[in-house]
Amino acid sequence: MEGTSIATMTIENIEGDDGKYSVTARSIMSDGGMLDASGHGKTTHTGGQKWNVAGIADMSDGRSFAIQGEIEFPARAFTGKMFERI
């Protein structure tokens, strides 16, 4: 699954450390199709403006993924992996 996504993420942290998030996203796939997603999970502050995230994303096509990765806020970037849940 390849594409480019734009997302709105809300993070609720206690005193700037670990917390939880919710996210809503739209992806434009490499084949031109669109896919929407919503998800939630946990955040772990790793220092500076970086947080590890782990959670679940439910896609508009019915698939569900486990998400693990890192958010770097100044770069507005997520780097990580998605694992399809079966």
N, C-alpha and C. Protein backbone atom coordinates (compact mmCIF):
# COMPACT_ATOMS: atom_id res chain seq x y z
N MET A 1 0.85 -1.16 0.00
CA MET A 1 0.00 0.00 0.00
C MET A 1 0.90 1.23 0.00
N GLU A 2 0.87 1.99 -1.08
CA GLU A 2 1.68 3.20 -1.17
C GLU A 2 0.79 4.39 -1.47
N GLY A 3 1.14 5.52 -0.85
CA GLY A 3 0.39 6.73 -1.10
C GLY A 3 0.89 7.86 -0.22
N THR A 4 0.23 8.99 -0.32
CA THR A 4 0.55 10.16 0.48
C THR A 4 -0.67 10.50 1.31
N SER A 5 -0.45 10.78 2.60
CA SER A 5 -1.56 11.03 3.51
C SER A 5 -1.47 12.40 4.13
N ILE A 6 -2.63 12.94 4.46
CA ILE A 6 -2.73 14.14 5.28
C ILE A 6 -3.64 13.76 6.44
N ALA A 7 -3.25 14.19 7.64
CA ALA A 7 -3.99 13.75 8.82
C ALA A 7 -4.13 14.87 9.83
N THR A 8 -5.17 14.77 10.63
CA THR A 8 -5.34 15.62 11.81
C THR A 8 -5.22 14.72 13.02
N MET A 9 -4.26 15.04 13.88
CA MET A 9 -4.00 14.22 15.06
C MET A 9 -4.21 15.07 16.30
N THR A 10 -4.94 14.52 17.26
CA THR A 10 -5.14 15.16 18.56
C THR A 10 -4.43 14.31 19.59
N ILE A 11 -3.53 14.95 20.34
CA ILE A 11 -2.76 14.24 21.36
C ILE A 11 -3.11 14.81 22.72
N GLU A 12 -3.40 13.92 23.65
CA GLU A 12 -3.71 14.30 25.02
C GLU A 12 -2.62 13.70 25.90
N ASN A 13 -1.71 14.55 26.36
CA ASN A 13 -0.61 14.11 27.20
C ASN A 13 -0.74 14.73 28.58
N ILE A 14 -0.25 14.02 29.57
CA ILE A 14 -0.25 14.52 30.94
C ILE A 14 1.12 15.12 31.20
N GLU A 15 1.16 16.43 31.47
CA GLU A 15 2.41 17.14 31.75
C GLU A 15 3.44 16.96 30.64
N GLY A 16 3.00 16.83 29.39
CA GLY A 16 3.91 16.76 28.26
C GLY A 16 4.61 15.44 28.05
N ASP A 17 4.26 14.42 28.82
CA ASP A 17 4.92 13.12 28.68
C ASP A 17 4.01 12.14 27.94
N ASP A 18 3.86 10.93 28.45
CA ASP A 18 3.09 9.91 27.77
C ASP A 18 1.60 10.25 27.78
N GLY A 19 0.88 9.73 26.79
CA GLY A 19 -0.54 10.01 26.71
C GLY A 19 -1.24 9.15 25.68
N LYS A 20 -2.25 9.74 25.03
CA LYS A 20 -3.01 9.02 24.02
C LYS A 20 -3.30 9.95 22.86
N TYR A 21 -3.67 9.36 21.71
CA TYR A 21 -3.96 10.16 20.53
C TYR A 21 -5.19 9.62 19.81
N SER A 22 -5.75 10.49 18.98
CA SER A 22 -6.75 10.08 18.00
C SER A 22 -6.36 10.75 16.68
N VAL A 23 -6.69 10.11 15.58
CA VAL A 23 -6.28 10.63 14.27
C VAL A 23 -7.36 10.34 13.23
N THR A 24 -7.51 11.28 12.30
CA THR A 24 -8.36 11.12 11.13
C THR A 24 -7.50 11.47 9.92
N ALA A 25 -7.54 10.64 8.88
CA ALA A 25 -6.64 10.84 7.74
C ALA A 25 -7.32 10.55 6.42
N ARG A 26 -6.76 11.13 5.37
CA ARG A 26 -7.14 10.80 3.99
C ARG A 26 -5.84 10.52 3.25
N SER A 27 -5.83 9.43 2.51
CA SER A 27 -4.66 9.05 1.73
C SER A 27 -5.01 9.04 0.25
N ILE A 28 -4.11 9.58 -0.54
CA ILE A 28 -4.20 9.48 -1.99
C ILE A 28 -3.22 8.38 -2.38
N MET A 29 -3.75 7.29 -2.88
CA MET A 29 -2.93 6.12 -3.17
C MET A 29 -2.16 6.32 -4.47
N SER A 30 -1.10 5.55 -4.66
CA SER A 30 -0.26 5.68 -5.85
C SER A 30 -1.04 5.39 -7.13
N ASP A 31 -2.14 4.63 -7.04
CA ASP A 31 -2.96 4.34 -8.22
C ASP A 31 -4.04 5.41 -8.45
N GLY A 32 -4.05 6.47 -7.60
CA GLY A 32 -5.01 7.56 -7.76
C GLY A 32 -6.25 7.42 -6.90
N GLY A 33 -6.48 6.28 -6.29
CA GLY A 33 -7.64 6.09 -5.43
C GLY A 33 -7.46 6.81 -4.09
N MET A 34 -8.58 6.96 -3.37
CA MET A 34 -8.54 7.60 -2.06
C MET A 34 -8.98 6.60 -1.00
N LEU A 35 -8.42 6.79 0.21
CA LEU A 35 -8.73 5.92 1.33
C LEU A 35 -8.76 6.78 2.58
N ASP A 36 -9.82 6.68 3.35
CA ASP A 36 -9.93 7.42 4.61
C ASP A 36 -9.64 6.48 5.77
N ALA A 37 -9.18 7.07 6.88
CA ALA A 37 -8.86 6.26 8.07
C ALA A 37 -9.14 7.05 9.33
N SER A 38 -9.42 6.33 10.41
CA SER A 38 -9.50 6.93 11.74
C SER A 38 -8.83 5.95 12.69
N GLY A 39 -8.24 6.49 13.74
CA GLY A 39 -7.54 5.61 14.66
C GLY A 39 -7.29 6.24 16.01
N HIS A 40 -6.68 5.46 16.87
CA HIS A 40 -6.36 5.91 18.22
C HIS A 40 -5.25 5.03 18.78
N GLY A 41 -4.60 5.52 19.83
CA GLY A 41 -3.55 4.74 20.45
C GLY A 41 -2.84 5.50 21.55
N LYS A 42 -1.62 5.05 21.86
CA LYS A 42 -0.82 5.61 22.94
C LYS A 42 0.38 6.36 22.38
N THR A 43 0.83 7.38 23.11
CA THR A 43 2.04 8.11 22.76
C THR A 43 3.05 7.99 23.90
N THR A 44 4.32 7.97 23.53
CA THR A 44 5.41 7.96 24.50
C THR A 44 6.41 9.02 24.08
N HIS A 45 6.63 10.01 24.92
CA HIS A 45 7.56 11.08 24.61
C HIS A 45 8.98 10.54 24.65
N THR A 46 9.74 10.73 23.56
CA THR A 46 11.10 10.20 23.48
C THR A 46 12.15 11.30 23.57
N GLY A 47 11.71 12.53 23.79
CA GLY A 47 12.64 13.64 23.91
C GLY A 47 12.44 14.68 22.82
N GLY A 48 12.71 15.92 23.16
CA GLY A 48 12.55 16.99 22.18
C GLY A 48 11.14 17.05 21.65
N GLN A 49 11.00 17.07 20.34
CA GLN A 49 9.69 17.14 19.70
C GLN A 49 9.32 15.84 19.01
N LYS A 50 9.74 14.72 19.61
CA LYS A 50 9.46 13.40 19.04
C LYS A 50 8.67 12.54 20.02
N TRP A 51 7.72 11.79 19.45
CA TRP A 51 6.91 10.86 20.24
C TRP A 51 6.80 9.54 19.48
N ASN A 52 6.91 8.44 20.21
CA ASN A 52 6.58 7.14 19.65
C ASN A 52 5.07 6.98 19.75
N VAL A 53 4.48 6.34 18.74
CA VAL A 53 3.05 6.08 18.76
C VAL A 53 2.81 4.59 18.48
N ALA A 54 1.79 4.06 19.11
CA ALA A 54 1.36 2.68 18.88
C ALA A 54 -0.15 2.65 18.99
N GLY A 55 -0.81 2.13 17.96
CA GLY A 55 -2.27 2.12 18.00
C GLY A 55 -2.89 1.33 16.87
N ILE A 56 -4.14 1.65 16.62
CA ILE A 56 -4.97 0.95 15.63
C ILE A 56 -5.53 1.99 14.66
N ALA A 57 -5.56 1.65 13.37
CA ALA A 57 -6.20 2.49 12.36
C ALA A 57 -7.21 1.65 11.60
N ASP A 58 -8.44 2.16 11.49
CA ASP A 58 -9.50 1.49 10.74
C ASP A 58 -9.69 2.24 9.42
N MET A 59 -9.62 1.52 8.32
CA MET A 59 -9.68 2.11 6.98
C MET A 59 -11.10 2.07 6.42
N SER A 60 -11.37 2.99 5.49
CA SER A 60 -12.70 3.08 4.89
C SER A 60 -13.03 1.86 4.02
N ASP A 61 -12.04 1.07 3.65
CA ASP A 61 -12.31 -0.13 2.85
C ASP A 61 -12.53 -1.37 3.72
N GLY A 62 -12.60 -1.18 5.06
CA GLY A 62 -12.89 -2.28 5.98
C GLY A 62 -11.67 -2.91 6.61
N ARG A 63 -10.48 -2.61 6.12
CA ARG A 63 -9.27 -3.18 6.72
C ARG A 63 -8.91 -2.44 8.01
N SER A 64 -8.16 -3.11 8.86
CA SER A 64 -7.70 -2.54 10.12
C SER A 64 -6.21 -2.82 10.27
N PHE A 65 -5.46 -1.84 10.76
CA PHE A 65 -4.01 -1.96 10.88
C PHE A 65 -3.55 -1.62 12.28
N ALA A 66 -2.52 -2.31 12.74
CA ALA A 66 -1.77 -1.91 13.93
C ALA A 66 -0.68 -0.96 13.44
N ILE A 67 -0.46 0.12 14.17
CA ILE A 67 0.50 1.15 13.78
C ILE A 67 1.59 1.24 14.84
N GLN A 68 2.85 1.30 14.42
CA GLN A 68 3.97 1.56 15.32
C GLN A 68 4.91 2.51 14.60
N GLY A 69 5.34 3.57 15.29
CA GLY A 69 6.25 4.49 14.64
C GLY A 69 6.59 5.68 15.50
N GLU A 70 7.12 6.71 14.83
CA GLU A 70 7.55 7.92 15.52
C GLU A 70 7.01 9.14 14.79
N ILE A 71 6.52 10.09 15.56
CA ILE A 71 6.07 11.37 15.03
C ILE A 71 7.14 12.41 15.36
N GLU A 72 7.56 13.17 14.36
CA GLU A 72 8.48 14.29 14.58
C GLU A 72 7.72 15.55 14.18
N PHE A 73 7.31 16.33 15.18
CA PHE A 73 6.42 17.45 14.93
C PHE A 73 7.03 18.56 14.08
N PRO A 74 8.28 19.02 14.29
CA PRO A 74 8.79 20.10 13.44
C PRO A 74 8.77 19.73 11.95
N ALA A 75 9.03 18.47 11.64
CA ALA A 75 9.04 18.00 10.25
C ALA A 75 7.65 17.61 9.77
N ARG A 76 6.68 17.54 10.71
CA ARG A 76 5.33 17.07 10.39
C ARG A 76 5.39 15.71 9.70
N ALA A 77 6.17 14.80 10.30
CA ALA A 77 6.43 13.52 9.65
C ALA A 77 6.15 12.35 10.58
N PHE A 78 5.62 11.28 9.99
CA PHE A 78 5.46 10.00 10.67
C PHE A 78 6.35 9.00 9.96
N THR A 79 7.15 8.29 10.72
CA THR A 79 7.96 7.22 10.18
C THR A 79 7.62 5.97 10.97
N GLY A 80 7.24 4.92 10.29
CA GLY A 80 6.88 3.73 11.03
C GLY A 80 6.36 2.64 10.12
N LYS A 81 5.63 1.70 10.74
CA LYS A 81 5.11 0.55 10.02
C LYS A 81 3.64 0.34 10.35
N MET A 82 2.94 -0.23 9.37
CA MET A 82 1.56 -0.63 9.55
C MET A 82 1.49 -2.15 9.33
N PHE A 83 0.79 -2.82 10.23
CA PHE A 83 0.65 -4.27 10.14
C PHE A 83 -0.84 -4.58 10.01
N GLU A 84 -1.23 -5.23 8.91
CA GLU A 84 -2.65 -5.52 8.70
C GLU A 84 -3.13 -6.52 9.74
N ARG A 85 -4.25 -6.20 10.36
CA ARG A 85 -4.86 -7.09 11.35
C ARG A 85 -5.81 -8.04 10.63
N ILE A 86 -5.76 -9.31 11.01
CA ILE A 86 -6.66 -10.29 10.37
C ILE A 86 -7.53 -10.95 11.42
